[in-house]
């Protein structure tokens, strides 16, 4: 199984923990399925937000490109457990609005779709808590 190499990003400390992009080679693939999942999510995020590179940086800082945990449950924020998934959408503020669009924030595609809606309405403001991390990202430039 071939996995595309990923350009490493600097390790950064955020409110959600240490952010570090995982590089996966074919040899690692059989050893660590969580790395493959993380890489697959990262590739999906990069593709979905290829027209909005700042959102790729936001996802890296907010979730380390993770939608789920190794046990299959949806990633929740450490600071606020209402923050959900790869884009750390706060369900306290956004669950009802996401439901109006028939989006399930537990699903990767819907989490990203709602993040795009938020971005189109408010820019990066909903992710200001992690701005120290993503604002200086190479992906922004």
N, C-alpha and C. Protein backbone atom coordinates (compact mmCIF):
# COMPACT_ATOMS: atom_id res chain seq x y z
N UNK A 1 0.85 -1.18 0.00
CA UNK A 1 0.00 0.00 0.00
C UNK A 1 0.88 1.23 0.00
N UNK A 2 0.78 2.05 -1.02
CA UNK A 2 1.58 3.26 -1.11
C UNK A 2 0.83 4.43 -0.49
N UNK A 3 1.53 5.22 0.29
CA UNK A 3 0.96 6.41 0.90
C UNK A 3 1.78 7.60 0.45
N UNK A 4 1.10 8.65 0.01
CA UNK A 4 1.78 9.85 -0.44
C UNK A 4 2.48 10.52 0.73
N UNK A 5 3.70 10.95 0.55
CA UNK A 5 4.44 11.64 1.61
C UNK A 5 3.80 12.99 1.90
N UNK A 6 3.91 13.41 3.13
CA UNK A 6 3.34 14.68 3.57
C UNK A 6 4.46 15.57 4.03
N UNK A 7 4.40 16.83 3.63
CA UNK A 7 5.41 17.78 4.05
C UNK A 7 5.29 18.03 5.54
N UNK A 8 6.34 17.84 6.31
CA UNK A 8 6.26 18.04 7.75
C UNK A 8 6.03 19.51 8.10
N UNK A 9 5.24 19.73 9.13
CA UNK A 9 4.98 21.06 9.65
C UNK A 9 5.70 21.16 10.99
N UNK A 10 6.01 22.36 11.45
CA UNK A 10 6.67 22.48 12.74
C UNK A 10 5.78 22.01 13.87
N UNK A 11 6.40 21.49 14.92
CA UNK A 11 5.66 21.08 16.10
C UNK A 11 5.28 22.35 16.85
N UNK A 12 4.01 22.46 17.23
CA UNK A 12 3.50 23.65 17.89
C UNK A 12 2.67 23.25 19.09
N UNK A 13 2.81 23.94 20.18
CA UNK A 13 1.99 23.71 21.37
C UNK A 13 0.75 24.59 21.28
N UNK A 14 -0.45 24.00 21.40
CA UNK A 14 -1.70 24.74 21.36
C UNK A 14 -2.53 24.40 22.58
N UNK A 15 -3.67 25.02 22.69
CA UNK A 15 -4.59 24.71 23.79
C UNK A 15 -5.07 23.27 23.71
N UNK A 16 -4.97 22.67 22.53
CA UNK A 16 -5.46 21.32 22.33
C UNK A 16 -4.34 20.28 22.43
N UNK A 17 -3.13 20.71 22.70
CA UNK A 17 -2.00 19.79 22.80
C UNK A 17 -0.94 20.11 21.76
N UNK A 18 -0.03 19.20 21.57
CA UNK A 18 1.05 19.39 20.63
C UNK A 18 0.58 19.03 19.23
N UNK A 19 0.88 19.88 18.26
CA UNK A 19 0.50 19.65 16.88
C UNK A 19 1.72 19.20 16.10
N UNK A 20 1.60 18.08 15.45
CA UNK A 20 2.70 17.57 14.64
C UNK A 20 2.10 16.74 13.52
N UNK A 21 2.47 17.05 12.29
CA UNK A 21 1.99 16.28 11.16
C UNK A 21 2.72 14.95 11.10
N UNK A 22 1.98 13.90 10.85
CA UNK A 22 2.55 12.56 10.79
C UNK A 22 2.95 12.24 9.35
N UNK A 23 4.16 11.77 9.16
CA UNK A 23 4.59 11.31 7.85
C UNK A 23 4.51 9.79 7.84
N UNK A 24 3.85 9.24 6.85
CA UNK A 24 3.63 7.80 6.78
C UNK A 24 4.29 7.26 5.53
N UNK A 25 5.05 6.21 5.69
CA UNK A 25 5.63 5.52 4.54
C UNK A 25 4.96 4.16 4.43
N UNK A 26 5.19 3.46 3.34
CA UNK A 26 4.57 2.15 3.15
C UNK A 26 4.94 1.20 4.28
N UNK A 27 6.16 1.28 4.79
CA UNK A 27 6.58 0.42 5.88
C UNK A 27 5.81 0.68 7.16
N UNK A 28 5.47 1.93 7.43
CA UNK A 28 4.72 2.27 8.64
C UNK A 28 3.27 1.82 8.56
N UNK A 29 2.75 1.68 7.34
CA UNK A 29 1.33 1.42 7.15
C UNK A 29 0.86 0.15 7.85
N UNK A 30 1.66 -0.88 7.85
CA UNK A 30 1.25 -2.12 8.50
C UNK A 30 1.39 -2.05 10.01
N UNK A 31 2.20 -1.13 10.51
CA UNK A 31 2.46 -1.03 11.94
C UNK A 31 1.44 -0.18 12.68
N UNK A 32 0.94 0.87 12.03
CA UNK A 32 0.16 1.84 12.78
C UNK A 32 -1.01 2.36 11.96
N UNK A 33 -2.18 1.73 12.10
CA UNK A 33 -3.33 2.14 11.32
C UNK A 33 -3.81 3.54 11.70
N UNK A 34 -3.56 4.00 12.93
CA UNK A 34 -3.98 5.34 13.32
C UNK A 34 -3.24 6.39 12.50
N UNK A 35 -1.96 6.16 12.19
CA UNK A 35 -1.23 7.09 11.34
C UNK A 35 -1.86 7.17 9.96
N UNK A 36 -2.31 6.03 9.44
CA UNK A 36 -2.95 6.02 8.13
C UNK A 36 -4.25 6.81 8.18
N UNK A 37 -5.05 6.61 9.23
CA UNK A 37 -6.30 7.36 9.37
C UNK A 37 -6.02 8.85 9.42
N UNK A 38 -5.03 9.25 10.21
CA UNK A 38 -4.69 10.66 10.33
C UNK A 38 -4.27 11.20 8.97
N UNK A 39 -3.45 10.47 8.25
CA UNK A 39 -2.99 10.90 6.94
C UNK A 39 -4.16 10.99 5.97
N UNK A 40 -5.07 10.03 6.00
CA UNK A 40 -6.23 10.05 5.12
C UNK A 40 -7.10 11.26 5.41
N UNK A 41 -7.29 11.59 6.67
CA UNK A 41 -8.06 12.77 7.04
C UNK A 41 -7.33 14.02 6.55
N UNK A 42 -6.02 14.06 6.76
CA UNK A 42 -5.26 15.22 6.31
C UNK A 42 -5.41 15.41 4.81
N UNK A 43 -5.30 14.33 4.05
CA UNK A 43 -5.43 14.45 2.60
C UNK A 43 -6.83 14.92 2.22
N UNK A 44 -7.86 14.43 2.92
CA UNK A 44 -9.23 14.86 2.65
C UNK A 44 -9.40 16.35 2.95
N UNK A 45 -8.84 16.81 4.08
CA UNK A 45 -8.92 18.22 4.45
C UNK A 45 -8.19 19.08 3.41
N UNK A 46 -6.99 18.66 3.03
CA UNK A 46 -6.22 19.42 2.04
C UNK A 46 -6.96 19.52 0.71
N UNK A 47 -7.60 18.45 0.31
CA UNK A 47 -8.35 18.46 -0.95
C UNK A 47 -9.60 19.34 -0.83
N UNK A 48 -10.35 19.17 0.25
CA UNK A 48 -11.61 19.91 0.43
C UNK A 48 -11.38 21.41 0.54
N UNK A 49 -10.31 21.80 1.22
CA UNK A 49 -10.03 23.22 1.42
C UNK A 49 -8.87 23.73 0.55
N UNK A 50 -8.65 23.09 -0.61
CA UNK A 50 -7.54 23.54 -1.46
C UNK A 50 -7.72 24.97 -1.93
N UNK A 51 -8.96 25.46 -1.94
CA UNK A 51 -9.23 26.84 -2.34
C UNK A 51 -9.18 27.81 -1.14
N UNK A 52 -9.07 27.27 0.08
CA UNK A 52 -8.99 28.09 1.30
C UNK A 52 -7.87 27.52 2.17
N UNK A 53 -6.61 27.73 1.81
CA UNK A 53 -5.50 27.10 2.53
C UNK A 53 -5.44 27.40 4.03
N UNK A 54 -5.95 28.53 4.44
CA UNK A 54 -5.93 28.85 5.87
C UNK A 54 -6.73 27.81 6.65
N UNK A 55 -7.76 27.24 6.05
CA UNK A 55 -8.58 26.25 6.75
C UNK A 55 -7.82 24.93 6.92
N UNK A 56 -6.88 24.65 6.05
CA UNK A 56 -6.02 23.48 6.25
C UNK A 56 -5.16 23.71 7.49
N UNK A 57 -4.62 24.91 7.60
CA UNK A 57 -3.81 25.25 8.78
C UNK A 57 -4.66 25.21 10.06
N UNK A 58 -5.90 25.68 9.97
CA UNK A 58 -6.80 25.63 11.13
C UNK A 58 -7.03 24.19 11.56
N UNK A 59 -7.31 23.31 10.61
CA UNK A 59 -7.54 21.89 10.94
C UNK A 59 -6.31 21.27 11.58
N UNK A 60 -5.13 21.62 11.06
CA UNK A 60 -3.89 21.08 11.65
C UNK A 60 -3.77 21.51 13.10
N UNK A 61 -4.04 22.76 13.37
CA UNK A 61 -3.89 23.28 14.73
C UNK A 61 -4.99 22.81 15.66
N UNK A 62 -6.20 22.75 15.17
CA UNK A 62 -7.34 22.39 16.01
C UNK A 62 -7.39 20.90 16.36
N UNK A 63 -7.07 20.04 15.41
CA UNK A 63 -7.30 18.61 15.63
C UNK A 63 -6.14 17.70 15.24
N UNK A 64 -5.08 18.28 14.75
CA UNK A 64 -3.98 17.48 14.21
C UNK A 64 -4.48 16.55 13.11
N UNK A 65 -5.46 17.06 12.34
CA UNK A 65 -6.08 16.32 11.24
C UNK A 65 -6.74 15.02 11.70
N UNK A 66 -7.38 15.05 12.86
CA UNK A 66 -8.09 13.86 13.35
C UNK A 66 -9.58 14.17 13.43
N UNK A 67 -10.40 13.28 12.92
CA UNK A 67 -11.85 13.36 13.07
C UNK A 67 -12.30 12.44 14.20
N UNK A 68 -11.61 11.31 14.31
CA UNK A 68 -11.98 10.32 15.32
C UNK A 68 -10.77 9.90 16.15
N UNK A 69 -11.06 9.27 17.27
CA UNK A 69 -10.03 8.71 18.13
C UNK A 69 -9.82 7.25 17.75
N UNK A 70 -8.75 6.61 18.25
CA UNK A 70 -8.51 5.21 17.90
C UNK A 70 -9.69 4.28 18.20
N UNK A 71 -10.52 4.61 19.19
CA UNK A 71 -11.67 3.76 19.52
C UNK A 71 -12.87 4.01 18.60
N UNK A 72 -12.73 4.94 17.64
CA UNK A 72 -13.80 5.22 16.69
C UNK A 72 -14.72 6.36 17.10
N UNK A 73 -14.60 6.83 18.32
CA UNK A 73 -15.43 7.96 18.75
C UNK A 73 -14.94 9.25 18.12
N UNK A 74 -15.83 10.22 18.01
CA UNK A 74 -15.48 11.50 17.40
C UNK A 74 -14.58 12.29 18.34
N UNK A 75 -13.54 12.88 17.78
CA UNK A 75 -12.62 13.72 18.55
C UNK A 75 -13.37 14.87 19.20
N UNK A 76 -13.12 15.09 20.48
CA UNK A 76 -13.71 16.22 21.20
C UNK A 76 -12.58 17.08 21.74
N UNK A 77 -12.86 18.35 21.93
CA UNK A 77 -11.86 19.28 22.43
C UNK A 77 -11.45 18.98 23.86
N UNK A 78 -10.19 19.25 24.17
CA UNK A 78 -9.70 19.09 25.54
C UNK A 78 -10.16 20.25 26.41
N UNK A 79 -10.14 21.45 25.88
CA UNK A 79 -10.55 22.64 26.62
C UNK A 79 -12.07 22.67 26.74
N UNK A 80 -12.77 22.40 25.65
CA UNK A 80 -14.23 22.40 25.64
C UNK A 80 -14.70 21.15 24.91
N UNK A 81 -15.25 20.18 25.62
CA UNK A 81 -15.67 18.93 24.98
C UNK A 81 -16.82 19.09 23.99
N UNK A 82 -17.39 20.29 23.89
CA UNK A 82 -18.42 20.53 22.86
C UNK A 82 -17.78 20.76 21.50
N UNK A 83 -16.46 20.98 21.44
CA UNK A 83 -15.75 21.12 20.17
C UNK A 83 -15.61 19.73 19.56
N UNK A 84 -15.98 19.60 18.30
CA UNK A 84 -16.14 18.29 17.70
C UNK A 84 -15.44 18.15 16.36
N UNK A 85 -14.72 17.05 16.19
CA UNK A 85 -14.19 16.66 14.90
C UNK A 85 -12.97 17.42 14.43
N UNK A 86 -12.63 17.22 13.17
CA UNK A 86 -11.42 17.75 12.57
C UNK A 86 -11.35 19.27 12.63
N UNK A 87 -12.50 19.93 12.51
CA UNK A 87 -12.53 21.39 12.53
C UNK A 87 -12.92 21.94 13.90
N UNK A 88 -13.13 21.04 14.87
CA UNK A 88 -13.47 21.42 16.25
C UNK A 88 -14.63 22.42 16.28
N UNK A 89 -15.72 22.03 15.64
CA UNK A 89 -16.94 22.83 15.61
C UNK A 89 -17.61 22.73 16.98
N UNK A 90 -17.90 23.86 17.59
CA UNK A 90 -18.51 23.88 18.92
C UNK A 90 -20.00 23.60 18.79
N UNK A 91 -20.42 22.44 19.31
CA UNK A 91 -21.82 22.04 19.18
C UNK A 91 -22.75 22.90 20.03
N UNK A 92 -22.24 23.50 21.09
CA UNK A 92 -23.05 24.39 21.90
C UNK A 92 -23.54 25.58 21.10
N UNK A 93 -22.70 26.06 20.22
CA UNK A 93 -23.06 27.21 19.39
C UNK A 93 -23.62 26.82 18.03
N UNK A 94 -23.19 25.68 17.48
CA UNK A 94 -23.46 25.41 16.07
C UNK A 94 -24.27 24.17 15.75
N UNK A 95 -24.63 23.34 16.72
CA UNK A 95 -25.35 22.09 16.42
C UNK A 95 -26.70 22.36 15.74
N UNK A 96 -27.45 23.30 16.25
CA UNK A 96 -28.77 23.58 15.67
C UNK A 96 -28.65 24.11 14.24
N UNK A 97 -27.70 24.99 14.01
CA UNK A 97 -27.50 25.55 12.67
C UNK A 97 -27.03 24.46 11.70
N UNK A 98 -26.12 23.59 12.15
CA UNK A 98 -25.65 22.50 11.29
C UNK A 98 -26.82 21.57 10.94
N UNK A 99 -27.70 21.33 11.89
CA UNK A 99 -28.87 20.48 11.65
C UNK A 99 -29.78 21.09 10.58
N UNK A 100 -29.86 22.41 10.51
CA UNK A 100 -30.67 23.07 9.48
C UNK A 100 -30.16 22.74 8.08
N UNK A 101 -28.86 22.48 7.97
CA UNK A 101 -28.25 22.10 6.70
C UNK A 101 -28.21 20.58 6.53
N UNK A 102 -28.81 19.88 7.49
CA UNK A 102 -28.81 18.41 7.50
C UNK A 102 -27.39 17.84 7.57
N UNK A 103 -26.54 18.49 8.38
CA UNK A 103 -25.15 18.06 8.53
C UNK A 103 -24.94 17.43 9.89
N UNK A 104 -24.26 16.30 9.91
CA UNK A 104 -23.91 15.59 11.13
C UNK A 104 -22.44 15.87 11.41
N UNK A 105 -22.15 16.66 12.42
CA UNK A 105 -20.78 17.09 12.71
C UNK A 105 -19.86 15.94 13.12
N UNK A 106 -20.43 14.78 13.38
CA UNK A 106 -19.63 13.59 13.70
C UNK A 106 -19.00 12.98 12.44
N UNK A 107 -19.51 13.35 11.28
CA UNK A 107 -19.01 12.83 10.01
C UNK A 107 -17.99 13.80 9.43
N UNK A 108 -16.87 13.29 8.96
CA UNK A 108 -15.80 14.13 8.43
C UNK A 108 -16.30 15.10 7.36
N UNK A 109 -17.00 14.59 6.36
CA UNK A 109 -17.45 15.43 5.26
C UNK A 109 -18.37 16.54 5.75
N UNK A 110 -19.27 16.22 6.67
CA UNK A 110 -20.21 17.22 7.18
C UNK A 110 -19.51 18.22 8.10
N UNK A 111 -18.52 17.75 8.86
CA UNK A 111 -17.75 18.65 9.73
C UNK A 111 -17.04 19.69 8.87
N UNK A 112 -16.43 19.24 7.78
CA UNK A 112 -15.75 20.17 6.89
C UNK A 112 -16.74 21.08 6.17
N UNK A 113 -17.88 20.53 5.76
CA UNK A 113 -18.89 21.33 5.05
C UNK A 113 -19.40 22.45 5.95
N UNK A 114 -19.64 22.14 7.21
CA UNK A 114 -20.11 23.19 8.11
C UNK A 114 -19.01 24.21 8.38
N UNK A 115 -17.77 23.76 8.46
CA UNK A 115 -16.65 24.69 8.64
C UNK A 115 -16.58 25.66 7.46
N UNK A 116 -16.85 25.18 6.26
CA UNK A 116 -16.85 26.05 5.08
C UNK A 116 -17.97 27.08 5.19
N UNK A 117 -19.14 26.65 5.64
CA UNK A 117 -20.27 27.57 5.83
C UNK A 117 -19.88 28.64 6.84
N UNK A 118 -19.28 28.22 7.97
CA UNK A 118 -18.84 29.17 8.99
C UNK A 118 -17.81 30.14 8.42
N UNK A 119 -16.85 29.60 7.68
CA UNK A 119 -15.81 30.45 7.09
C UNK A 119 -16.42 31.49 6.14
N UNK A 120 -17.38 31.06 5.32
CA UNK A 120 -18.01 31.98 4.37
C UNK A 120 -18.78 33.09 5.09
N UNK A 121 -19.31 32.79 6.28
CA UNK A 121 -20.07 33.78 7.04
C UNK A 121 -19.19 34.65 7.94
N UNK A 122 -18.16 34.03 8.57
CA UNK A 122 -17.41 34.73 9.62
C UNK A 122 -15.90 34.71 9.44
N UNK A 123 -15.42 34.17 8.33
CA UNK A 123 -13.97 34.05 8.15
C UNK A 123 -13.40 33.10 9.19
N UNK A 124 -12.22 33.39 9.68
CA UNK A 124 -11.56 32.51 10.65
C UNK A 124 -11.93 32.83 12.10
N UNK A 125 -12.79 33.80 12.32
CA UNK A 125 -13.15 34.23 13.68
C UNK A 125 -13.57 33.06 14.59
N UNK A 126 -14.35 32.06 14.12
CA UNK A 126 -14.73 30.97 15.02
C UNK A 126 -13.55 30.15 15.56
N UNK A 127 -12.39 30.27 14.94
CA UNK A 127 -11.21 29.52 15.35
C UNK A 127 -10.13 30.43 15.95
N UNK A 128 -10.51 31.61 16.39
CA UNK A 128 -9.54 32.57 16.95
C UNK A 128 -8.75 32.01 18.13
N UNK A 129 -9.33 31.09 18.89
CA UNK A 129 -8.62 30.54 20.05
C UNK A 129 -7.31 29.87 19.66
N UNK A 130 -7.23 29.34 18.44
CA UNK A 130 -6.00 28.68 18.00
C UNK A 130 -5.21 29.52 17.00
N UNK A 131 -5.56 30.78 16.86
CA UNK A 131 -4.92 31.65 15.86
C UNK A 131 -3.42 31.75 16.03
N UNK A 132 -2.94 31.68 17.26
CA UNK A 132 -1.49 31.75 17.50
C UNK A 132 -0.77 30.64 16.73
N UNK A 133 -1.42 29.53 16.58
CA UNK A 133 -0.84 28.39 15.86
C UNK A 133 -1.00 28.56 14.35
N UNK A 134 -2.23 28.72 13.86
CA UNK A 134 -2.46 28.72 12.41
C UNK A 134 -2.15 30.03 11.72
N UNK A 135 -2.11 31.12 12.44
CA UNK A 135 -1.86 32.41 11.82
C UNK A 135 -0.44 32.54 11.27
N UNK A 136 0.48 31.79 11.81
CA UNK A 136 1.86 31.86 11.33
C UNK A 136 2.23 30.67 10.43
N UNK A 137 1.24 29.88 10.05
CA UNK A 137 1.47 28.68 9.27
C UNK A 137 1.93 29.01 7.85
N UNK A 138 2.76 28.15 7.31
CA UNK A 138 3.23 28.28 5.93
C UNK A 138 2.05 28.17 4.98
N UNK A 139 1.02 27.39 5.33
CA UNK A 139 -0.14 27.20 4.47
C UNK A 139 -0.90 28.49 4.24
N UNK A 140 -0.75 29.46 5.12
CA UNK A 140 -1.47 30.73 5.01
C UNK A 140 -0.90 31.54 3.86
N UNK A 141 0.35 31.48 3.62
CA UNK A 141 1.03 32.35 2.67
C UNK A 141 0.82 31.94 1.24
